[in-house]
Each structure stands twice: as C-alpha cells, then as structure tokens.
C-alpha atoms as a PDB file:
ATOM      1  CA  UNK A   1     120.261 -19.869 -21.222  1.00  0.00           C
ATOM      2  CA  UNK A   2     121.489 -18.371 -24.519  1.00  0.00           C
ATOM      3  CA  UNK A   3     119.096 -15.188 -23.771  1.00  0.00           C
ATOM      4  CA  UNK A   4     120.572 -14.742 -20.231  1.00  0.00           C
ATOM      5  CA  UNK A   5     124.079 -14.908 -21.682  1.00  0.00           C
ATOM      6  CA  UNK A   6     123.098 -12.390 -24.084  1.00  0.00           C
ATOM      7  CA  UNK A   7     121.961  -9.786 -21.645  1.00  0.00           C
ATOM      8  CA  UNK A   8     124.648 -10.608 -19.294  1.00  0.00           C
ATOM      9  CA  UNK A   9     127.449  -9.787 -22.060  1.00  0.00           C
ATOM     10  CA  UNK A  10     126.262  -6.252 -21.646  1.00  0.00           C
ATOM     11  CA  UNK A  11     125.730  -6.193 -17.885  1.00  0.00           C
ATOM     12  CA  UNK A  12     129.123  -4.857 -17.111  1.00  0.00           C
ATOM     13  CA  UNK A  13     128.422  -1.031 -17.563  1.00  0.00           C
ATOM     14  CA  UNK A  14     125.318  -1.317 -15.682  1.00  0.00           C
ATOM     15  CA  UNK A  15     127.029  -3.145 -12.861  1.00  0.00           C
ATOM     16  CA  UNK A  16     129.974  -0.874 -12.893  1.00  0.00           C
ATOM     17  CA  UNK A  17     127.595   2.078 -11.931  1.00  0.00           C
ATOM     18  CA  UNK A  18     124.231   0.812 -10.596  1.00  0.00           C
ATOM     19  CA  UNK A  19     123.671   4.308  -9.049  1.00  0.00           C
ATOM     20  CA  UNK A  20     123.611   6.370 -12.334  1.00  0.00           C
ATOM     21  CA  UNK A  21     122.103   3.768 -14.509  1.00  0.00           C
ATOM     22  CA  UNK A  22     119.044   3.059 -11.599  1.00  0.00           C
ATOM     23  CA  UNK A  23     118.601   6.863 -11.660  1.00  0.00           C
ATOM     24  CA  UNK A  24     118.181   7.130 -15.405  1.00  0.00           C
ATOM     25  CA  UNK A  25     115.799   4.268 -15.041  1.00  0.00           C
ATOM     26  CA  UNK A  26     113.628   5.230 -12.906  1.00  0.00           C
ATOM     27  CA  UNK A  27     113.339   9.081 -13.712  1.00  0.00           C
ATOM     28  CA  UNK A  28     112.817   7.927 -17.227  1.00  0.00           C
ATOM     29  CA  UNK A  29     109.696   5.627 -16.357  1.00  0.00           C
ATOM     30  CA  UNK A  30     108.520   8.471 -14.271  1.00  0.00           C
ATOM     31  CA  UNK A  31     108.863  10.777 -17.157  1.00  0.00           C
ATOM     32  CA  UNK A  32     107.296   8.271 -19.713  1.00  0.00           C
ATOM     33  CA  UNK A  33     104.677   6.583 -17.562  1.00  0.00           C
ATOM     34  CA  UNK A  34     103.771   9.564 -14.667  1.00  0.00           C
ATOM     35  CA  UNK A  35     101.272   7.383 -13.059  1.00  0.00           C
ATOM     36  CA  UNK A  36     104.191   5.105 -11.827  1.00  0.00           C
ATOM     37  CA  UNK A  37     105.485   7.639  -9.306  1.00  0.00           C
ATOM     38  CA  UNK A  38     102.308   7.284  -7.439  1.00  0.00           C
ATOM     39  CA  UNK A  39     103.675   3.947  -6.723  1.00  0.00           C
ATOM     40  CA  UNK A  40     106.747   5.068  -4.702  1.00  0.00           C
ATOM     41  CA  UNK A  41     105.157   7.358  -2.070  1.00  0.00           C
ATOM     42  CA  UNK A  42     108.702   8.132  -0.838  1.00  0.00           C
ATOM     43  CA  UNK A  43     109.289  10.269  -3.984  1.00  0.00           C
ATOM     44  CA  UNK A  44     105.937  12.085  -3.740  1.00  0.00           C
ATOM     45  CA  UNK A  45     107.391  15.490  -2.447  1.00  0.00           C
ATOM     46  CA  UNK A  46     110.373  15.618  -5.291  1.00  0.00           C
ATOM     47  CA  UNK A  47     109.288  17.891  -8.302  1.00  0.00           C
ATOM     48  CA  UNK A  48     109.351  16.126 -11.740  1.00  0.00           C
ATOM     49  CA  UNK A  49     112.112  18.050 -12.985  1.00  0.00           C
ATOM     50  CA  UNK A  50     114.397  17.273 -10.058  1.00  0.00           C
ATOM     51  CA  UNK A  51     113.622  13.405 -10.107  1.00  0.00           C
ATOM     52  CA  UNK A  52     116.762  12.775 -12.555  1.00  0.00           C
ATOM     53  CA  UNK A  53     119.374  14.023 -10.201  1.00  0.00           C
ATOM     54  CA  UNK A  54     117.784  12.941  -6.903  1.00  0.00           C
ATOM     55  CA  UNK A  55     120.117  10.686  -4.968  1.00  0.00           C
ATOM     56  CA  UNK A  56     117.231   8.872  -3.299  1.00  0.00           C
ATOM     57  CA  UNK A  57     115.905   8.177  -6.890  1.00  0.00           C
ATOM     58  CA  UNK A  58     119.048   6.637  -8.133  1.00  0.00           C
ATOM     59  CA  UNK A  59     119.725   4.462  -4.977  1.00  0.00           C
ATOM     60  CA  UNK A  60     116.192   2.988  -5.346  1.00  0.00           C
ATOM     61  CA  UNK A  61     116.849   2.535  -8.986  1.00  0.00           C
ATOM     62  CA  UNK A  62     120.271   0.962  -8.178  1.00  0.00           C
ATOM     63  CA  UNK A  63     118.510  -1.518  -5.817  1.00  0.00           C
ATOM     64  CA  UNK A  64     116.026  -2.354  -9.035  1.00  0.00           C
ATOM     65  CA  UNK A  65     119.135  -3.205 -10.978  1.00  0.00           C
ATOM     66  CA  UNK A  66     121.148  -5.089  -8.715  1.00  0.00           C
ATOM     67  CA  UNK A  67     117.836  -7.525  -8.312  1.00  0.00           C
ATOM     68  CA  UNK A  68     117.690  -7.753 -11.813  1.00  0.00           C
ATOM     69  CA  UNK A  69     121.402  -8.633 -12.068  1.00  0.00           C
ATOM     70  CA  UNK A  70     120.862 -11.541  -9.469  1.00  0.00           C
ATOM     71  CA  UNK A  71     118.050 -12.664 -11.616  1.00  0.00           C
ATOM     72  CA  UNK A  72     119.886 -12.642 -14.808  1.00  0.00           C
ATOM     73  CA  UNK A  73     122.654 -14.295 -12.944  1.00  0.00           C
ATOM     74  CA  UNK A  74     120.469 -16.909 -11.623  1.00  0.00           C
ATOM     75  CA  UNK A  75     119.776 -17.945 -15.471  1.00  0.00           C
ATOM     76  CA  UNK A  76     116.415 -18.993 -14.461  1.00  0.00           C
ATOM     77  CA  UNK A  77     116.916 -20.784 -11.308  1.00  0.00           C
ATOM     78  CA  UNK A  78     115.664 -17.719  -9.391  1.00  0.00           C
ATOM     79  CA  UNK A  79     112.688 -19.072  -7.204  1.00  0.00           C
ATOM     80  CA  UNK A  80     114.719 -17.874  -4.126  1.00  0.00           C
ATOM     81  CA  UNK A  81     115.347 -14.793  -5.197  1.00  0.00           C
ATOM     82  CA  UNK A  82     112.080 -13.924  -7.020  1.00  0.00           C
ATOM     83  CA  UNK A  83     109.422 -15.449  -4.685  1.00  0.00           C
ATOM     84  CA  UNK A  84     110.522 -12.811  -1.709  1.00  0.00           C
ATOM     85  CA  UNK A  85     110.208  -9.858  -4.439  1.00  0.00           C
ATOM     86  CA  UNK A  86     106.878 -10.952  -5.375  1.00  0.00           C
ATOM     87  CA  UNK A  87     105.727 -11.566  -1.928  1.00  0.00           C
ATOM     88  CA  UNK A  88     106.783  -8.047  -0.876  1.00  0.00           C
ATOM     89  CA  UNK A  89     105.805  -6.258  -4.326  1.00  0.00           C
ATOM     90  CA  UNK A  90     102.019  -8.141  -4.019  1.00  0.00           C
ATOM     91  CA  UNK A  91     101.529  -7.717  -0.082  1.00  0.00           C
ATOM     92  CA  UNK A  92     103.325  -4.561   0.774  1.00  0.00           C
ATOM     93  CA  UNK A  93     103.518  -2.493  -2.426  1.00  0.00           C
ATOM     94  CA  UNK A  94     100.698  -3.525  -4.335  1.00  0.00           C
ATOM     95  CA  UNK A  95     102.694  -3.279  -7.611  1.00  0.00           C
ATOM     96  CA  UNK A  96     100.625  -5.006 -10.415  1.00  0.00           C
ATOM     97  CA  UNK A  97     102.305  -6.991 -13.130  1.00  0.00           C
ATOM     98  CA  UNK A  98     101.461  -4.175 -15.623  1.00  0.00           C
ATOM     99  CA  UNK A  99     104.305  -2.050 -14.076  1.00  0.00           C
ATOM    100  CA  UNK A 100     106.825  -4.847 -14.367  1.00  0.00           C
ATOM    101  CA  UNK A 101     106.260  -4.629 -18.368  1.00  0.00           C
ATOM    102  CA  UNK A 102     106.618  -0.804 -18.259  1.00  0.00           C
ATOM    103  CA  UNK A 103     109.968  -1.009 -16.189  1.00  0.00           C
ATOM    104  CA  UNK A 104     111.056  -3.607 -18.357  1.00  0.00           C
ATOM    105  CA  UNK A 105     110.651  -1.587 -21.452  1.00  0.00           C
ATOM    106  CA  UNK A 106     112.532   1.407 -19.987  1.00  0.00           C
ATOM    107  CA  UNK A 107     115.605  -1.138 -18.795  1.00  0.00           C
ATOM    108  CA  UNK A 108     115.606  -2.382 -22.663  1.00  0.00           C
ATOM    109  CA  UNK A 109     115.980   1.486 -23.715  1.00  0.00           C
ATOM    110  CA  UNK A 110     118.469   2.210 -21.165  1.00  0.00           C
ATOM    111  CA  UNK A 111     120.652  -0.703 -21.687  1.00  0.00           C
ATOM    112  CA  UNK A 112     120.475  -0.286 -25.362  1.00  0.00           C
ATOM    113  CA  UNK A 113     121.542   3.405 -25.231  1.00  0.00           C
ATOM    114  CA  UNK A 114     124.070   3.092 -22.088  1.00  0.00           C
ATOM    115  CA  UNK A 115     125.530  -0.486 -22.605  1.00  0.00           C
ATOM    116  CA  UNK A 116     125.474  -1.561 -25.913  1.00  0.00           C
ATOM    117  CA  UNK A 117     122.708  -3.944 -25.959  1.00  0.00           C
ATOM    118  CA  UNK A 118     121.764  -4.492 -29.371  1.00  0.00           C
ATOM    119  CA  UNK A 119     118.247  -5.584 -31.064  1.00  0.00           C
ATOM    120  CA  UNK A 120     119.063  -9.004 -30.213  1.00  0.00           C
ATOM    121  CA  UNK A 121     119.962  -8.235 -26.866  1.00  0.00           C
ATOM    122  CA  UNK A 122     116.859  -6.325 -26.594  1.00  0.00           C
ATOM    123  CA  UNK A 123     114.950  -9.355 -27.524  1.00  0.00           C
ATOM    124  CA  UNK A 124     116.401 -11.598 -25.340  1.00  0.00           C
ATOM    125  CA  UNK A 125     116.065  -9.175 -22.155  1.00  0.00           C
ATOM    126  CA  UNK A 126     112.346  -9.125 -23.037  1.00  0.00           C
ATOM    127  CA  UNK A 127     112.175 -12.915 -23.370  1.00  0.00           C
ATOM    128  CA  UNK A 128     113.835 -13.297 -19.997  1.00  0.00           C
ATOM    129  CA  UNK A 129     111.686 -10.447 -18.394  1.00  0.00           C
ATOM    130  CA  UNK A 130     108.484 -12.128 -19.872  1.00  0.00           C
ATOM    131  CA  UNK A 131     109.682 -15.542 -18.037  1.00  0.00           C
ATOM    132  CA  UNK A 132     110.347 -13.368 -14.511  1.00  0.00           C
ATOM    133  CA  UNK A 133     106.739 -11.778 -14.808  1.00  0.00           C
ATOM    134  CA  UNK A 134     105.031 -14.787 -15.613  1.00  0.00           C
ATOM    135  CA  UNK A 135     106.554 -16.345 -12.695  1.00  0.00           C
ATOM    136  CA  UNK A 136     105.727 -13.330 -10.664  1.00  0.00           C
ATOM    137  CA  UNK A 137     102.222 -13.596 -11.880  1.00  0.00           C
ATOM    138  CA  UNK A 138     102.234 -17.267 -10.500  1.00  0.00           C
ATOM    139  CA  UNK A 139     103.295 -16.117  -7.061  1.00  0.00           C
ATOM    140  CA  UNK A 140     100.694 -13.194  -7.000  1.00  0.00           C
ATOM    141  CA  UNK A 141      98.115 -15.946  -7.768  1.00  0.00           C
ATOM    142  CA  UNK A 142      99.289 -18.016  -4.861  1.00  0.00           C
ATOM    143  CA  UNK A 143      99.417 -15.145  -2.631  1.00  0.00           C
ATOM    144  CA  UNK A 144      95.772 -14.117  -3.833  1.00  0.00           C
ATOM    145  CA  UNK A 145      96.572 -10.810  -5.412  1.00  0.00           C
ATOM    146  CA  UNK A 146      95.459  -9.866  -8.296  1.00  0.00           C
ATOM    147  CA  UNK A 147      98.390  -8.200  -9.865  1.00  0.00           C
END
C-alpha cells in the first residue's frame, strides 16, 4: 500500500493534464524505442518529428495514463481493471510484456520531471508496475499468449 500511496502523492499534476503528460509519455516512448511505434498502426503515417505535438498521440497517451491512475487507486485490488486490459492487449493488440516494461521506464522519467516524483517514488512506481506486469503475464498465460 505504501508504494501506491507514494506514487499517488505525485499523481495530481498528471491527473490535472492527462493529454499533455500522455503526449509526452508516448512521444518519448517512440523516440527512445522506435520499434514500439509499429505497435500503434494508427500513428504509422505521422512523421517522427510530428509525434510530440499530435493530438491523437496525446489522446491515446491520456487513455494510458487514466488507466494507470485507475490501477494506482485500486492499490493492488485491480483484477477487474487489469483482466480486460490484458485480454485486449493479448488478443487484439498483441503487446508483449517487454513493452509494458519500456513504457514504465518512460512514465517514471516523465513523472520525475513533470510531477516531482523523487527517487523513492520512482522506485515505488517500478515496484507497483512490476506487480501489474506480473499480473498481466498471468492473464496472458491463461489466454495462451506468449507475451
């Protein structure tokens, strides 16, 4: 619980502007890990230099962060939130677990820069996401998806 609370203590700035923070997270993910862009076919026609300011990228990033907010606020009791997410990410989007790890590191960096998440908070977010990713792995295995 302490890890969730620590991350949530810096969640306010993110929650206040999901679109801006979401755009930063996804555009940085695509810049640092260009292979991840292919997982988002709807962004395929957007030039790399235009990703950061693109409204569709920001909107999708906002969706990602809103879901993360739900998971954080559930404080570990997230099965009802996570199972449908894992199901669509396995069956429809085919998103491997490594990609959740990559975006976690980007979110950690962005929250450190934009929301004041200190070193202890960054560690807490990594721990929380480790639990989430482990649970996603469990759902993936149930679905027969080798994520």
